[in-house]
């Protein structure tokens, strides 16, 4: 069988399914960007995340506001009006489109992305300090410590736990960054958005005084998206959305 026949068969099945799918009753959606297989380019992916139905809804080129807006164009105003919850990351284009196209929806940030961004900042601190120590001829303290500080404590191996204990006894910027990042995780334990907001504000102030630039960048982002972060805690539905990737 030729590839042309295979392609046309798949194309026929996809079109057949799209023409017959039912888009009514969509109340909760998530939007994400995925790295394309062709270079450093992204696609925008929208999916339904209702309790009764989880499925891919739409894929668009790039991660621009124009691209994401085309999803709502496809859905149509009557169905857009039925969307009650939207879960996304902190990408500015997505935030703006959600605000304009579905203003009635409760918009929450995806916890997975918040934690992933914080981990990237922590790893940046470690990598930069390791480079500085290597120039001084003393890079041993941070060798083989990447996953010691990025993994959850309960997921560490026995050897990694021992290495982390040794690391925590050192006066390193990486250690201070690690302790601040671990402290941030207490945010998810708050049942009250008011107290969660007080904790988040205190954490951001502490980080801004830390002189650790990658974490200060994260603190500025968290301040700018404070309301959306706290919605993770203020809505029972939002609590359900934040588990959609199995991150907890």
Protein backbone atom coordinates (compact mmCIF):
# COMPACT_ATOMS: atom_id res chain seq x y z
CA UNK A 1 0.00 0.00 0.00
CA UNK A 2 1.44 3.39 -1.00
CA UNK A 3 1.88 6.27 1.45
CA UNK A 4 -0.52 8.31 -0.67
CA UNK A 5 -3.28 5.78 -0.08
CA UNK A 6 -2.52 5.68 3.65
CA UNK A 7 -2.58 9.49 3.85
CA UNK A 8 -5.89 9.75 2.02
CA UNK A 9 -7.42 7.04 4.21
CA UNK A 10 -6.39 8.85 7.39
CA UNK A 11 -7.55 12.19 5.97
CA UNK A 12 -10.96 10.69 5.18
CA UNK A 13 -11.36 9.25 8.70
CA UNK A 14 -10.32 12.55 10.34
CA UNK A 15 -12.75 14.61 8.24
CA UNK A 16 -15.51 12.07 8.86
CA UNK A 17 -14.99 12.36 12.62
CA UNK A 18 -14.80 16.16 12.61
CA UNK A 19 -18.02 16.49 10.67
CA UNK A 20 -19.87 14.30 13.18
CA UNK A 21 -18.40 15.32 16.53
CA UNK A 22 -20.64 17.02 19.08
CA UNK A 23 -19.20 20.21 20.60
CA UNK A 24 -22.16 21.04 22.81
CA UNK A 25 -21.81 20.98 26.57
CA UNK A 26 -18.18 22.11 26.75
CA UNK A 27 -17.79 23.87 30.11
CA UNK A 28 -14.07 23.51 30.86
CA UNK A 29 -11.11 23.88 28.50
CA UNK A 30 -7.35 23.89 28.80
CA UNK A 31 -4.89 25.56 26.44
CA UNK A 32 -1.23 24.71 26.07
CA UNK A 33 1.64 25.13 23.65
CA UNK A 34 3.60 22.19 22.29
CA UNK A 35 6.98 22.28 20.62
CA UNK A 36 6.67 21.46 16.93
CA UNK A 37 8.80 18.76 15.34
CA UNK A 38 10.08 21.31 12.83
CA UNK A 39 12.61 23.49 14.61
CA UNK A 40 11.93 25.78 17.53
CA UNK A 41 8.29 26.42 16.67
CA UNK A 42 5.16 25.89 18.69
CA UNK A 43 1.57 24.85 18.11
CA UNK A 44 -1.41 25.83 20.27
CA UNK A 45 -3.46 22.94 21.61
CA UNK A 46 -6.94 23.26 23.13
CA UNK A 47 -8.66 20.38 24.87
CA UNK A 48 -11.82 19.72 26.84
CA UNK A 49 -11.21 18.85 30.50
CA UNK A 50 -14.72 18.34 31.85
CA UNK A 51 -15.12 15.49 34.32
CA UNK A 52 -17.33 13.58 31.90
CA UNK A 53 -15.22 14.21 28.80
CA UNK A 54 -11.51 14.79 28.19
CA UNK A 55 -10.52 15.15 24.54
CA UNK A 56 -8.50 17.16 22.06
CA UNK A 57 -10.57 19.92 20.49
CA UNK A 58 -8.27 21.97 18.29
CA UNK A 59 -4.67 22.46 17.14
CA UNK A 60 -3.41 25.72 15.66
CA UNK A 61 -0.12 26.95 14.25
CA UNK A 62 2.08 29.08 16.50
CA UNK A 63 1.19 30.27 20.01
CA UNK A 64 -0.05 33.69 19.10
CA UNK A 65 -3.25 35.47 20.10
CA UNK A 66 -4.45 35.22 16.49
CA UNK A 67 -3.94 31.47 16.46
CA UNK A 68 -5.77 30.90 19.76
CA UNK A 69 -8.60 33.21 18.69
CA UNK A 70 -9.30 30.96 15.73
CA UNK A 71 -10.37 28.22 18.15
CA UNK A 72 -13.17 30.44 19.47
CA UNK A 73 -14.08 31.42 15.92
CA UNK A 74 -14.47 27.72 15.14
CA UNK A 75 -16.52 27.11 18.27
CA UNK A 76 -18.90 30.02 17.68
CA UNK A 77 -20.37 32.53 20.13
CA UNK A 78 -23.23 30.35 21.50
CA UNK A 79 -20.82 27.58 22.53
CA UNK A 80 -18.23 30.08 23.79
CA UNK A 81 -20.87 31.51 26.09
CA UNK A 82 -21.17 28.08 27.75
CA UNK A 83 -17.51 27.89 28.76
CA UNK A 84 -17.24 28.33 32.54
CA UNK A 85 -13.60 27.45 33.25
CA UNK A 86 -10.32 27.95 31.38
CA UNK A 87 -6.96 26.59 32.49
CA UNK A 88 -3.74 27.95 30.92
CA UNK A 89 -0.15 28.87 31.59
CA UNK A 90 1.14 32.44 31.99
CA UNK A 91 1.68 33.08 28.27
CA UNK A 92 0.50 36.66 27.72
CA UNK A 93 -1.21 35.98 24.39
CA UNK A 94 -3.40 33.26 25.91
CA UNK A 95 -4.32 35.39 28.91
CA UNK A 96 -5.45 38.25 26.69
CA UNK A 97 -7.54 36.06 24.36
CA UNK A 98 -9.33 34.39 27.29
CA UNK A 99 -10.10 37.80 28.79
CA UNK A 100 -11.64 39.05 25.53
CA UNK A 101 -13.32 35.95 24.09
CA UNK A 102 -14.74 34.25 27.22
CA UNK A 103 -14.95 37.00 29.87
CA UNK A 104 -17.58 35.05 31.81
CA UNK A 105 -15.23 32.12 32.42
CA UNK A 106 -13.22 31.55 35.60
CA UNK A 107 -9.61 31.62 34.42
CA UNK A 108 -7.03 29.71 36.45
CA UNK A 109 -3.35 29.09 35.89
CA UNK A 110 -2.06 25.58 35.42
CA UNK A 111 -0.14 24.51 38.52
CA UNK A 112 2.06 22.26 36.39
CA UNK A 113 3.44 25.29 34.53
CA UNK A 114 3.93 27.32 37.70
CA UNK A 115 6.00 24.57 39.30
CA UNK A 116 7.86 23.83 36.06
CA UNK A 117 8.84 27.50 35.62
CA UNK A 118 10.04 27.67 39.21
CA UNK A 119 12.13 24.53 38.69
CA UNK A 120 13.68 26.01 35.56
CA UNK A 121 14.66 29.10 37.54
CA UNK A 122 16.16 26.91 40.27
CA UNK A 123 18.13 24.89 37.74
CA UNK A 124 19.41 28.11 36.17
CA UNK A 125 20.76 29.20 39.56
CA UNK A 126 22.48 25.82 40.01
CA UNK A 127 24.00 25.83 36.53
CA UNK A 128 25.38 29.35 36.84
CA UNK A 129 26.87 28.72 40.26
CA UNK A 130 28.38 25.43 39.09
CA UNK A 131 30.07 27.32 36.25
CA UNK A 132 31.44 29.94 38.65
CA UNK A 133 32.79 27.25 40.96
CA UNK A 134 34.37 25.41 38.04
CA UNK A 135 36.28 28.55 37.07
CA UNK A 136 37.62 28.65 40.62
CA UNK A 137 38.58 24.99 40.39
CA UNK A 138 36.03 23.81 42.97
CA UNK A 139 32.96 22.47 41.21
CA UNK A 140 32.66 19.34 43.37
CA UNK A 141 29.86 20.65 45.65
CA UNK A 142 27.32 20.84 42.80
CA UNK A 143 28.35 17.79 40.79
CA UNK A 144 25.48 15.34 40.22
CA UNK A 145 23.06 17.49 42.23
CA UNK A 146 20.62 18.57 39.52
CA UNK A 147 17.95 16.00 40.24
CA UNK A 148 18.62 16.17 43.98
CA UNK A 149 17.14 19.66 44.00
CA UNK A 150 14.58 19.32 41.20
CA UNK A 151 12.86 16.10 42.26
CA UNK A 152 10.33 15.97 45.04
CA UNK A 153 11.96 14.90 48.32
CA UNK A 154 9.80 11.78 48.51
CA UNK A 155 11.00 10.69 45.06
CA UNK A 156 14.72 10.92 45.80
CA UNK A 157 16.84 7.79 45.86
CA UNK A 158 18.85 6.94 48.98
CA UNK A 159 22.03 8.23 47.32
CA UNK A 160 20.32 11.45 46.22
CA UNK A 161 18.97 12.06 49.74
CA UNK A 162 22.47 11.72 51.13
CA UNK A 163 23.88 14.08 48.52
CA UNK A 164 21.13 16.61 49.24
CA UNK A 165 21.83 16.50 52.99
CA UNK A 166 25.47 17.27 52.30
CA UNK A 167 24.54 20.07 49.90
CA UNK A 168 22.17 21.71 52.39
CA UNK A 169 25.05 22.11 54.82
CA UNK A 170 26.91 24.39 52.41
CA UNK A 171 26.67 28.15 52.09
CA UNK A 172 25.72 28.28 48.42
CA UNK A 173 23.30 30.41 46.43
CA UNK A 174 21.85 27.18 45.03
CA UNK A 175 20.96 26.06 48.56
CA UNK A 176 19.22 29.36 49.32
CA UNK A 177 17.32 29.13 46.03
CA UNK A 178 16.33 25.52 46.77
CA UNK A 179 14.97 26.43 50.21
CA UNK A 180 12.96 29.33 48.74
CA UNK A 181 11.56 27.09 45.99
CA UNK A 182 10.59 24.41 48.51
CA UNK A 183 8.98 27.03 50.73
CA UNK A 184 6.81 28.14 47.79
CA UNK A 185 5.17 24.70 47.72
CA UNK A 186 3.38 25.56 51.00
CA UNK A 187 1.12 27.78 48.90
CA UNK A 188 -0.87 24.74 47.74
CA UNK A 189 -1.72 23.74 51.32
CA UNK A 190 -3.82 26.85 52.00
CA UNK A 191 -7.58 26.42 51.97
CA UNK A 192 -8.17 30.16 52.33
CA UNK A 193 -7.29 32.35 49.31
CA UNK A 194 -6.84 35.29 51.71
CA UNK A 195 -4.12 33.55 53.70
CA UNK A 196 -2.65 32.09 50.52
CA UNK A 197 -2.39 35.64 49.18
CA UNK A 198 -0.59 36.79 52.33
CA UNK A 199 1.83 33.89 52.02
CA UNK A 200 2.45 34.59 48.32
CA UNK A 201 3.09 38.28 49.00
CA UNK A 202 5.55 37.45 51.79
CA UNK A 203 7.32 34.89 49.62
CA UNK A 204 7.69 37.39 46.78
CA UNK A 205 9.07 40.07 49.13
CA UNK A 206 11.59 37.61 50.55
CA UNK A 207 12.73 36.55 47.08
CA UNK A 208 13.06 40.14 45.88
CA UNK A 209 15.55 40.71 48.70
CA UNK A 210 17.49 37.54 47.92
CA UNK A 211 19.65 38.84 45.04
CA UNK A 212 18.91 35.60 43.19
CA UNK A 213 17.86 36.98 39.81
CA UNK A 214 16.16 33.89 38.26
CA UNK A 215 13.91 33.61 41.32
CA UNK A 216 13.33 37.38 41.37
CA UNK A 217 12.08 37.06 37.79
CA UNK A 218 9.62 34.40 38.94
CA UNK A 219 8.49 36.57 41.86
CA UNK A 220 7.73 39.42 39.45
CA UNK A 221 5.68 37.03 37.30
CA UNK A 222 3.77 35.74 40.32
CA UNK A 223 2.99 39.28 41.41
CA UNK A 224 1.72 40.09 37.95
CA UNK A 225 -0.55 37.02 37.92
CA UNK A 226 -1.46 37.00 41.61
CA UNK A 227 -5.21 36.92 41.04
CA UNK A 228 -5.06 34.00 38.62
CA UNK A 229 -2.77 32.00 40.90
CA UNK A 230 -5.09 32.45 43.87
CA UNK A 231 -8.05 31.29 41.79
CA UNK A 232 -6.42 27.86 41.94
CA UNK A 233 -7.38 27.87 45.61
CA UNK A 234 -10.62 29.85 45.56
CA UNK A 235 -12.64 27.54 43.33
CA UNK A 236 -13.40 23.89 43.97
CA UNK A 237 -13.53 23.40 40.22
CA UNK A 238 -10.12 25.01 39.88
CA UNK A 239 -8.78 22.51 42.38
CA UNK A 240 -9.99 19.78 40.05
CA UNK A 241 -8.41 21.43 37.02
CA UNK A 242 -5.00 21.67 38.58
CA UNK A 243 -4.76 17.88 38.74
CA UNK A 244 -5.41 17.42 35.04
CA UNK A 245 -1.78 16.48 34.32
CA UNK A 246 -1.44 14.23 37.32
CA UNK A 247 1.06 16.63 38.86
CA UNK A 248 -0.04 15.85 42.35
